[in-house]
Protein backbone atom coordinates (compact mmCIF):
# COMPACT_ATOMS: atom_id res chain seq x y z
CA MET A 1 76.27 260.48 39.50
CA ARG A 2 73.14 262.60 39.17
CA THR A 3 69.67 261.22 39.21
CA VAL A 4 66.91 263.42 37.39
CA MET A 5 63.28 262.68 38.41
CA ILE A 6 60.59 263.74 36.47
CA GLN A 7 56.92 263.40 37.37
CA LEU A 8 54.21 262.63 34.46
CA ARG A 9 50.81 261.85 34.00
CA PRO A 10 50.33 258.44 32.62
CA GLY A 11 48.82 259.63 29.36
CA GLU A 12 52.13 261.80 28.72
CA LEU A 13 54.55 258.99 28.99
CA SER A 14 54.96 257.61 25.54
CA ALA A 15 54.97 261.10 24.07
CA ARG A 16 57.47 262.58 26.56
CA MET A 17 59.77 259.73 26.48
CA ALA A 18 60.07 259.85 22.69
CA ALA A 19 60.80 263.70 23.00
CA MET A 20 63.70 262.74 25.63
CA ARG A 21 65.16 260.21 23.44
CA ILE A 22 65.43 262.45 20.61
CA TRP A 23 66.94 265.57 22.90
CA LEU A 24 69.57 263.11 24.19
CA ASP A 25 70.50 261.82 20.76
CA GLU A 26 70.79 265.32 19.24
CA ARG A 27 73.26 266.21 22.11
CA ARG A 28 74.96 262.73 22.15
CA PHE A 29 74.23 262.59 25.99
CA GLU A 30 74.24 259.07 27.24
CA PRO A 31 72.19 258.24 30.52
CA SER A 32 73.68 255.55 32.50
CA SER A 33 70.43 254.32 33.69
CA PHE A 34 66.64 254.83 33.34
CA SER A 35 63.72 253.50 35.08
CA CYS A 36 60.06 254.15 35.28
CA HIS A 37 57.77 253.92 38.43
CA ASP A 38 53.89 253.83 38.60
CA GLY A 39 52.43 255.96 41.26
CA GLU A 40 48.93 256.16 42.13
CA ALA A 41 48.14 259.17 39.97
CA ASP A 42 51.34 259.76 38.04
CA VAL A 43 54.59 258.26 36.79
CA LEU A 44 57.85 258.71 38.13
CA LEU A 45 60.90 258.58 35.54
CA ARG A 46 64.31 258.36 36.98
CA VAL A 47 67.36 259.03 34.68
CA GLU A 48 70.79 258.77 35.87
CA PHE A 49 73.73 260.60 34.35
CA LYS A 50 77.52 260.29 35.03
CA VAL A 51 77.88 263.63 33.71
CA ALA A 52 76.54 266.47 36.09
CA ASP A 53 76.10 269.29 33.24
CA GLU A 54 74.14 266.70 31.09
CA ALA A 55 71.78 265.95 34.20
CA ASP A 56 71.37 269.63 34.84
CA ALA A 57 70.46 270.46 31.02
CA PHE A 58 68.03 267.49 30.91
CA ALA A 59 66.50 268.57 33.98
CA ARG A 60 65.85 272.16 33.04
CA TYR A 61 64.62 271.26 29.63
CA PHE A 62 62.18 268.47 30.69
CA GLY A 63 61.10 269.94 33.91
CA GLY A 64 62.61 267.68 36.63
CA SER A 65 64.56 267.68 39.79
CA VAL A 66 68.10 266.69 40.16
CA ASP A 67 69.58 264.74 43.13
CA ARG A 68 73.11 265.12 43.39
CA MET A 69 74.87 262.01 44.51
CA LEU A 70 78.00 262.87 46.27
CA GLU A 71 81.04 260.51 47.02
CA ALA A 72 80.23 257.30 48.97
CA GLY A 73 79.02 257.95 52.52
CA ALA A 74 78.08 261.59 51.76
CA ALA A 75 74.62 262.80 52.03
CA PRO A 76 72.99 263.75 48.69
CA ASP A 77 72.30 267.33 48.04
CA SER A 78 69.00 267.71 46.40
CA ILE A 79 67.90 270.74 44.24
CA SER A 80 64.56 271.16 42.98
CA LEU A 81 64.80 272.80 39.20
CA VAL A 82 61.12 272.43 38.36
CA SER A 83 58.59 270.19 39.67
CA ARG A 84 56.37 269.72 36.61
CA ALA A 85 56.61 271.08 33.09
CA GLU A 86 54.30 270.87 30.32
CA PRO A 87 55.13 268.41 27.32
CA SER A 88 57.39 269.71 24.78
CA PRO A 89 55.69 270.71 21.85
CA HIS A 90 58.69 269.74 19.75
CA ARG A 91 59.37 266.04 19.93
CA VAL A 92 58.25 262.87 21.39
CA VAL A 93 61.42 258.87 23.28
CA GLY A 94 62.34 255.35 24.12
CA ARG A 95 65.57 253.75 25.48
CA ALA A 96 65.78 251.85 22.35
CA GLY A 97 65.66 254.75 19.93
CA VAL A 98 63.50 257.33 18.09
CA VAL A 99 60.01 256.09 18.08
CA GLY A 100 58.39 259.42 16.45
CA ALA A 101 57.82 262.83 16.57
CA ALA A 102 54.92 264.79 18.28
CA ALA A 103 51.89 265.19 16.02
CA GLY A 104 53.67 264.19 12.93
CA GLN A 105 56.22 266.85 12.91
CA THR A 106 59.59 266.29 11.79
CA THR A 107 62.41 266.87 14.23
CA PRO A 108 64.91 269.72 13.37
CA SER A 109 68.54 268.99 12.95
């Protein structure tokens, strides 16, 4: 299991989640869980994947870090891919499905 962690400013949350949902749907990637935690100045998204390559691709595209959860009892091996990325200009996500495209743009297939 791999967990991708992404830090966002609170004002970015809705648009970035919409972009993530579209990106995941286009690739038929299925995270096993998703959570959102409010911090004092930011929001931390945690997205877990069963497929390592999916977690790595998601983290690279959305500017997150990947925690590689190893077999039970082993220490996690954490690698930082990107600490913060600018919002994608392409798309905007929610767990229940696509909620819209950024700035009214259509999403390319």
